[in-house]
N, C-alpha and C. Protein backbone atom coordinates (compact mmCIF):
# COMPACT_ATOMS: atom_id res chain seq x y z
N MET A 1 75.56 179.10 295.93
CA MET A 1 75.84 177.85 296.57
C MET A 1 75.74 176.75 295.52
N LEU A 2 76.72 175.86 295.53
CA LEU A 2 76.73 174.76 294.58
C LEU A 2 75.83 173.64 295.08
N PRO A 3 75.29 172.82 294.15
CA PRO A 3 74.35 171.77 294.55
C PRO A 3 75.02 170.50 295.09
N TRP A 4 76.26 170.60 295.50
CA TRP A 4 76.96 169.48 296.12
C TRP A 4 77.78 169.98 297.29
N LEU A 5 78.13 169.08 298.18
CA LEU A 5 78.92 169.44 299.36
C LEU A 5 80.41 169.34 299.06
N GLY A 6 81.21 170.09 299.83
CA GLY A 6 82.66 170.03 299.71
C GLY A 6 83.20 168.75 300.32
N PRO A 7 84.51 168.54 300.25
CA PRO A 7 85.13 167.30 300.72
C PRO A 7 84.88 167.00 302.20
N ALA A 8 84.73 168.01 303.01
CA ALA A 8 84.49 167.80 304.44
C ALA A 8 83.00 167.91 304.79
N GLY A 9 82.13 167.87 303.78
CA GLY A 9 80.70 167.95 304.01
C GLY A 9 80.18 169.36 304.17
N GLN A 10 81.00 170.36 303.92
CA GLN A 10 80.59 171.76 304.06
C GLN A 10 79.94 172.26 302.77
N ARG A 11 79.18 173.33 302.88
CA ARG A 11 78.58 173.96 301.71
C ARG A 11 79.69 174.54 300.85
N SER A 12 79.47 174.49 299.55
CA SER A 12 80.45 175.03 298.61
C SER A 12 79.81 176.17 297.84
N TYR A 13 80.55 177.23 297.66
CA TYR A 13 80.04 178.41 296.97
C TYR A 13 80.92 178.72 295.76
N LEU A 14 80.30 179.27 294.74
CA LEU A 14 81.00 179.65 293.53
C LEU A 14 80.92 181.17 293.41
N VAL A 15 82.07 181.78 293.27
CA VAL A 15 82.11 183.22 293.03
C VAL A 15 82.30 183.38 291.53
N THR A 16 81.34 184.04 290.89
CA THR A 16 81.37 184.17 289.44
C THR A 16 80.89 185.55 289.04
N ASP A 17 81.02 185.86 287.77
CA ASP A 17 80.53 187.15 287.29
C ASP A 17 79.02 187.10 287.13
N GLU A 18 78.44 188.19 286.75
CA GLU A 18 76.98 188.31 286.64
C GLU A 18 76.40 187.43 285.54
N SER A 19 77.19 187.10 284.52
CA SER A 19 76.64 186.36 283.39
C SER A 19 76.29 184.92 283.77
N GLY A 20 77.03 184.32 284.68
CA GLY A 20 76.76 182.95 285.08
C GLY A 20 77.01 181.95 283.96
N ASP A 21 77.87 182.31 283.02
CA ASP A 21 78.13 181.46 281.86
C ASP A 21 79.38 180.59 282.01
N SER A 22 79.99 180.59 283.18
CA SER A 22 81.21 179.81 283.34
C SER A 22 80.90 178.32 283.29
N TYR A 23 81.91 177.53 283.01
CA TYR A 23 81.75 176.08 282.93
C TYR A 23 81.19 175.53 284.24
N LEU A 24 81.72 175.99 285.37
CA LEU A 24 81.27 175.48 286.66
C LEU A 24 79.83 175.90 286.96
N SER A 25 79.44 177.10 286.56
CA SER A 25 78.05 177.54 286.72
C SER A 25 77.10 176.66 285.92
N GLN A 26 77.48 176.37 284.69
CA GLN A 26 76.65 175.51 283.85
C GLN A 26 76.59 174.10 284.41
N LEU A 27 77.71 173.59 284.92
CA LEU A 27 77.74 172.26 285.52
C LEU A 27 76.83 172.20 286.75
N ALA A 28 76.86 173.25 287.57
CA ALA A 28 75.99 173.31 288.75
C ALA A 28 74.52 173.33 288.34
N ASP A 29 74.18 174.09 287.30
CA ASP A 29 72.79 174.13 286.82
C ASP A 29 72.35 172.75 286.32
N GLU A 30 73.24 172.06 285.59
CA GLU A 30 72.91 170.73 285.10
C GLU A 30 72.75 169.75 286.26
N MET A 31 73.59 169.87 287.27
CA MET A 31 73.51 168.99 288.43
C MET A 31 72.20 169.22 289.19
N GLU A 32 71.79 170.47 289.32
CA GLU A 32 70.51 170.77 289.96
C GLU A 32 69.37 170.09 289.21
N ALA A 33 69.40 170.14 287.89
CA ALA A 33 68.35 169.52 287.08
C ALA A 33 68.35 168.00 287.28
N VAL A 34 69.52 167.40 287.35
CA VAL A 34 69.62 165.95 287.58
C VAL A 34 69.07 165.60 288.96
N GLN A 35 69.45 166.39 289.98
CA GLN A 35 68.98 166.13 291.34
C GLN A 35 67.46 166.23 291.43
N LEU A 36 66.88 167.26 290.84
CA LEU A 36 65.44 167.42 290.88
C LEU A 36 64.73 166.32 290.09
N GLY A 37 65.31 165.91 288.97
CA GLY A 37 64.74 164.81 288.20
C GLY A 37 64.78 163.50 288.96
N ALA A 38 65.88 163.25 289.68
CA ALA A 38 65.98 162.05 290.49
C ALA A 38 64.94 162.08 291.61
N GLY A 39 64.73 163.24 292.18
CA GLY A 39 63.71 163.38 293.22
C GLY A 39 62.32 163.05 292.70
N GLU A 40 62.03 163.51 291.49
CA GLU A 40 60.73 163.18 290.87
C GLU A 40 60.59 161.68 290.67
N ALA A 41 61.66 161.03 290.23
CA ALA A 41 61.62 159.58 290.01
C ALA A 41 61.40 158.84 291.32
N VAL A 42 62.11 159.24 292.38
CA VAL A 42 61.95 158.58 293.68
C VAL A 42 60.53 158.78 294.19
N LEU A 43 59.98 159.97 294.01
CA LEU A 43 58.61 160.23 294.45
C LEU A 43 57.62 159.34 293.71
N GLY A 44 57.85 159.13 292.43
CA GLY A 44 56.98 158.23 291.66
C GLY A 44 57.05 156.80 292.18
N HIS A 45 58.28 156.34 292.50
CA HIS A 45 58.44 155.00 293.07
C HIS A 45 57.76 154.91 294.43
N ALA A 46 57.86 155.98 295.21
CA ALA A 46 57.27 155.99 296.55
C ALA A 46 55.76 155.81 296.46
N ALA A 47 55.12 156.52 295.55
CA ALA A 47 53.66 156.40 295.40
C ALA A 47 53.27 154.96 295.07
N GLU A 48 54.03 154.33 294.18
CA GLU A 48 53.75 152.94 293.81
C GLU A 48 53.96 152.00 295.00
N MET A 49 55.09 152.17 295.68
CA MET A 49 55.41 151.26 296.79
C MET A 49 54.43 151.41 297.94
N LEU A 50 54.02 152.63 298.23
CA LEU A 50 53.12 152.84 299.35
C LEU A 50 51.71 152.32 299.08
N SER A 51 51.37 152.14 297.81
CA SER A 51 50.06 151.58 297.50
C SER A 51 50.09 150.05 297.45
N ASP A 52 51.28 149.46 297.52
CA ASP A 52 51.45 148.02 297.49
C ASP A 52 51.55 147.51 298.93
N HIS A 53 50.56 146.75 299.37
CA HIS A 53 50.53 146.26 300.75
C HIS A 53 51.47 145.10 301.00
N LYS A 54 52.14 144.61 299.97
CA LYS A 54 53.07 143.49 300.12
C LYS A 54 54.53 143.94 300.22
N VAL A 55 54.77 145.24 300.30
CA VAL A 55 56.13 145.77 300.37
C VAL A 55 56.75 145.40 301.71
N GLU A 56 57.99 144.96 301.67
CA GLU A 56 58.72 144.56 302.88
C GLU A 56 59.22 145.79 303.64
N ALA A 57 59.46 145.62 304.93
CA ALA A 57 59.93 146.72 305.78
C ALA A 57 61.28 147.26 305.29
N TRP A 58 62.18 146.37 304.88
CA TRP A 58 63.50 146.83 304.42
C TRP A 58 63.37 147.67 303.16
N GLU A 59 62.36 147.35 302.31
CA GLU A 59 62.14 148.14 301.10
C GLU A 59 61.66 149.55 301.46
N LEU A 60 60.79 149.63 302.45
CA LEU A 60 60.31 150.94 302.89
C LEU A 60 61.42 151.75 303.54
N ARG A 61 62.31 151.10 304.30
CA ARG A 61 63.45 151.82 304.88
C ARG A 61 64.36 152.35 303.78
N PHE A 62 64.62 151.53 302.78
CA PHE A 62 65.44 151.96 301.65
C PHE A 62 64.79 153.16 300.96
N LEU A 63 63.49 153.05 300.73
CA LEU A 63 62.73 154.15 300.12
C LEU A 63 62.84 155.41 300.98
N GLY A 64 62.71 155.26 302.28
CA GLY A 64 62.81 156.41 303.18
C GLY A 64 64.17 157.10 303.07
N HIS A 65 65.23 156.31 302.98
CA HIS A 65 66.57 156.89 302.81
C HIS A 65 66.69 157.66 301.50
N ARG A 66 66.16 157.08 300.41
CA ARG A 66 66.21 157.76 299.11
C ARG A 66 65.37 159.03 299.12
N LEU A 67 64.21 158.99 299.79
CA LEU A 67 63.38 160.19 299.89
C LEU A 67 64.09 161.28 300.67
N CYS A 68 64.79 160.90 301.74
CA CYS A 68 65.56 161.89 302.52
C CYS A 68 66.65 162.52 301.65
N GLU A 69 67.35 161.70 300.88
CA GLU A 69 68.39 162.24 299.99
C GLU A 69 67.79 163.21 298.98
N ALA A 70 66.67 162.81 298.38
CA ALA A 70 66.04 163.66 297.37
C ALA A 70 65.55 164.97 297.98
N LEU A 71 64.98 164.90 299.18
CA LEU A 71 64.52 166.12 299.84
C LEU A 71 65.69 167.02 300.21
N ARG A 72 66.76 166.43 300.70
CA ARG A 72 67.96 167.21 301.05
C ARG A 72 68.49 167.93 299.81
N ASP A 73 68.56 167.22 298.67
CA ASP A 73 69.02 167.84 297.43
C ASP A 73 68.08 168.96 296.99
N ALA A 74 66.78 168.71 297.05
CA ALA A 74 65.81 169.72 296.63
C ALA A 74 65.88 170.96 297.51
N LEU A 75 66.07 170.77 298.80
CA LEU A 75 66.20 171.92 299.71
C LEU A 75 67.47 172.71 299.42
N ARG A 76 68.55 172.00 299.09
CA ARG A 76 69.81 172.69 298.76
C ARG A 76 69.63 173.49 297.47
N VAL A 77 68.94 172.92 296.48
CA VAL A 77 68.68 173.63 295.24
C VAL A 77 67.81 174.86 295.51
N ALA A 78 66.76 174.69 296.31
CA ALA A 78 65.88 175.82 296.63
C ALA A 78 66.63 176.91 297.36
N GLU A 79 67.47 176.54 298.32
CA GLU A 79 68.25 177.54 299.05
C GLU A 79 69.20 178.26 298.11
N SER A 80 69.85 177.52 297.24
CA SER A 80 70.78 178.12 296.30
C SER A 80 70.08 179.08 295.35
N ARG A 81 68.97 178.65 294.81
CA ARG A 81 68.23 179.50 293.87
C ARG A 81 67.61 180.69 294.58
N GLY A 82 67.14 180.48 295.79
CA GLY A 82 66.58 181.58 296.57
C GLY A 82 67.61 182.64 296.87
N GLY A 83 68.84 182.23 297.11
CA GLY A 83 69.92 183.17 297.38
C GLY A 83 70.28 184.00 296.17
N ARG A 84 69.92 183.52 294.98
CA ARG A 84 70.23 184.25 293.75
C ARG A 84 69.12 185.18 293.32
N LEU A 85 67.97 185.11 294.00
CA LEU A 85 66.83 185.95 293.64
C LEU A 85 66.88 187.26 294.38
N SER A 86 66.40 188.30 293.75
CA SER A 86 66.28 189.57 294.45
C SER A 86 65.00 189.54 295.27
N ALA A 87 64.83 190.49 296.15
CA ALA A 87 63.63 190.54 296.99
C ALA A 87 62.41 190.67 296.10
N PRO A 88 61.38 189.84 296.32
CA PRO A 88 60.19 189.90 295.45
C PRO A 88 59.36 191.14 295.72
N ALA A 89 58.66 191.59 294.69
CA ALA A 89 57.72 192.70 294.85
C ALA A 89 56.51 192.19 295.61
N ASP A 90 55.77 193.08 296.24
CA ASP A 90 54.59 192.69 297.00
C ASP A 90 53.51 192.25 296.02
N ASP A 91 53.30 190.93 295.94
CA ASP A 91 52.30 190.40 295.01
C ASP A 91 51.16 189.71 295.75
N GLY A 92 51.03 189.98 297.04
CA GLY A 92 49.96 189.37 297.81
C GLY A 92 50.31 187.97 298.29
N ALA A 93 51.56 187.56 298.16
CA ALA A 93 51.96 186.21 298.55
C ALA A 93 51.82 185.97 300.05
N ASP A 94 51.76 187.03 300.85
CA ASP A 94 51.63 186.87 302.30
C ASP A 94 50.19 186.62 302.71
N GLU A 95 49.26 186.75 301.78
CA GLU A 95 47.86 186.52 302.10
C GLU A 95 47.63 185.03 302.29
N PRO A 96 46.69 184.65 303.17
CA PRO A 96 46.44 183.23 303.40
C PRO A 96 45.94 182.53 302.16
N ASP A 97 46.31 181.27 302.02
CA ASP A 97 45.88 180.45 300.90
C ASP A 97 44.61 179.72 301.29
N ASP A 98 43.50 180.03 300.61
CA ASP A 98 42.21 179.41 300.94
C ASP A 98 41.94 178.17 300.11
N SER A 99 42.91 177.73 299.30
CA SER A 99 42.68 176.57 298.46
C SER A 99 42.73 175.30 299.31
N PRO A 100 42.01 174.26 298.88
CA PRO A 100 42.01 173.01 299.66
C PRO A 100 43.37 172.35 299.61
N PRO A 101 43.70 171.52 300.63
CA PRO A 101 45.01 170.87 300.65
C PRO A 101 45.16 169.92 299.47
N CYS A 102 46.38 169.77 298.99
CA CYS A 102 46.67 168.89 297.89
C CYS A 102 46.77 167.44 298.39
N ARG A 103 46.12 166.54 297.68
CA ARG A 103 46.18 165.14 298.03
C ARG A 103 46.85 164.38 296.89
N GLU A 104 47.34 163.18 297.19
CA GLU A 104 47.99 162.36 296.18
C GLU A 104 47.04 162.18 295.00
N GLY A 105 47.57 162.40 293.81
CA GLY A 105 46.77 162.26 292.61
C GLY A 105 46.18 163.57 292.13
N ASP A 106 46.15 164.59 293.01
CA ASP A 106 45.65 165.90 292.59
C ASP A 106 46.67 166.55 291.68
N PRO A 107 46.24 167.30 290.67
CA PRO A 107 47.22 168.00 289.83
C PRO A 107 47.90 169.08 290.67
N ALA A 108 49.16 169.31 290.39
CA ALA A 108 49.94 170.30 291.15
C ALA A 108 49.55 171.70 290.78
């Protein structure tokens, strides 16, 4: 699945050989990197804006729209990459995670 929508808003798929070295494959990989980088930048702005108590409502709405776009792109990238992965070996990933929840400012 390509990291952008087709002209009518539908998902777009690329049929390629196993090497994945075609121009369009490389362009899609670069676009995924740009989308994820933009998402990181928006998230950084969000943390700053949400800590500022003087932010206007329209600014928060604008931020919300950008966060939705970034999340939509990240989910499309994750779905695309997940579709390219083979079934994982049993590594205990189904076991419950006992680690404490992540909070803003905690290392990832």
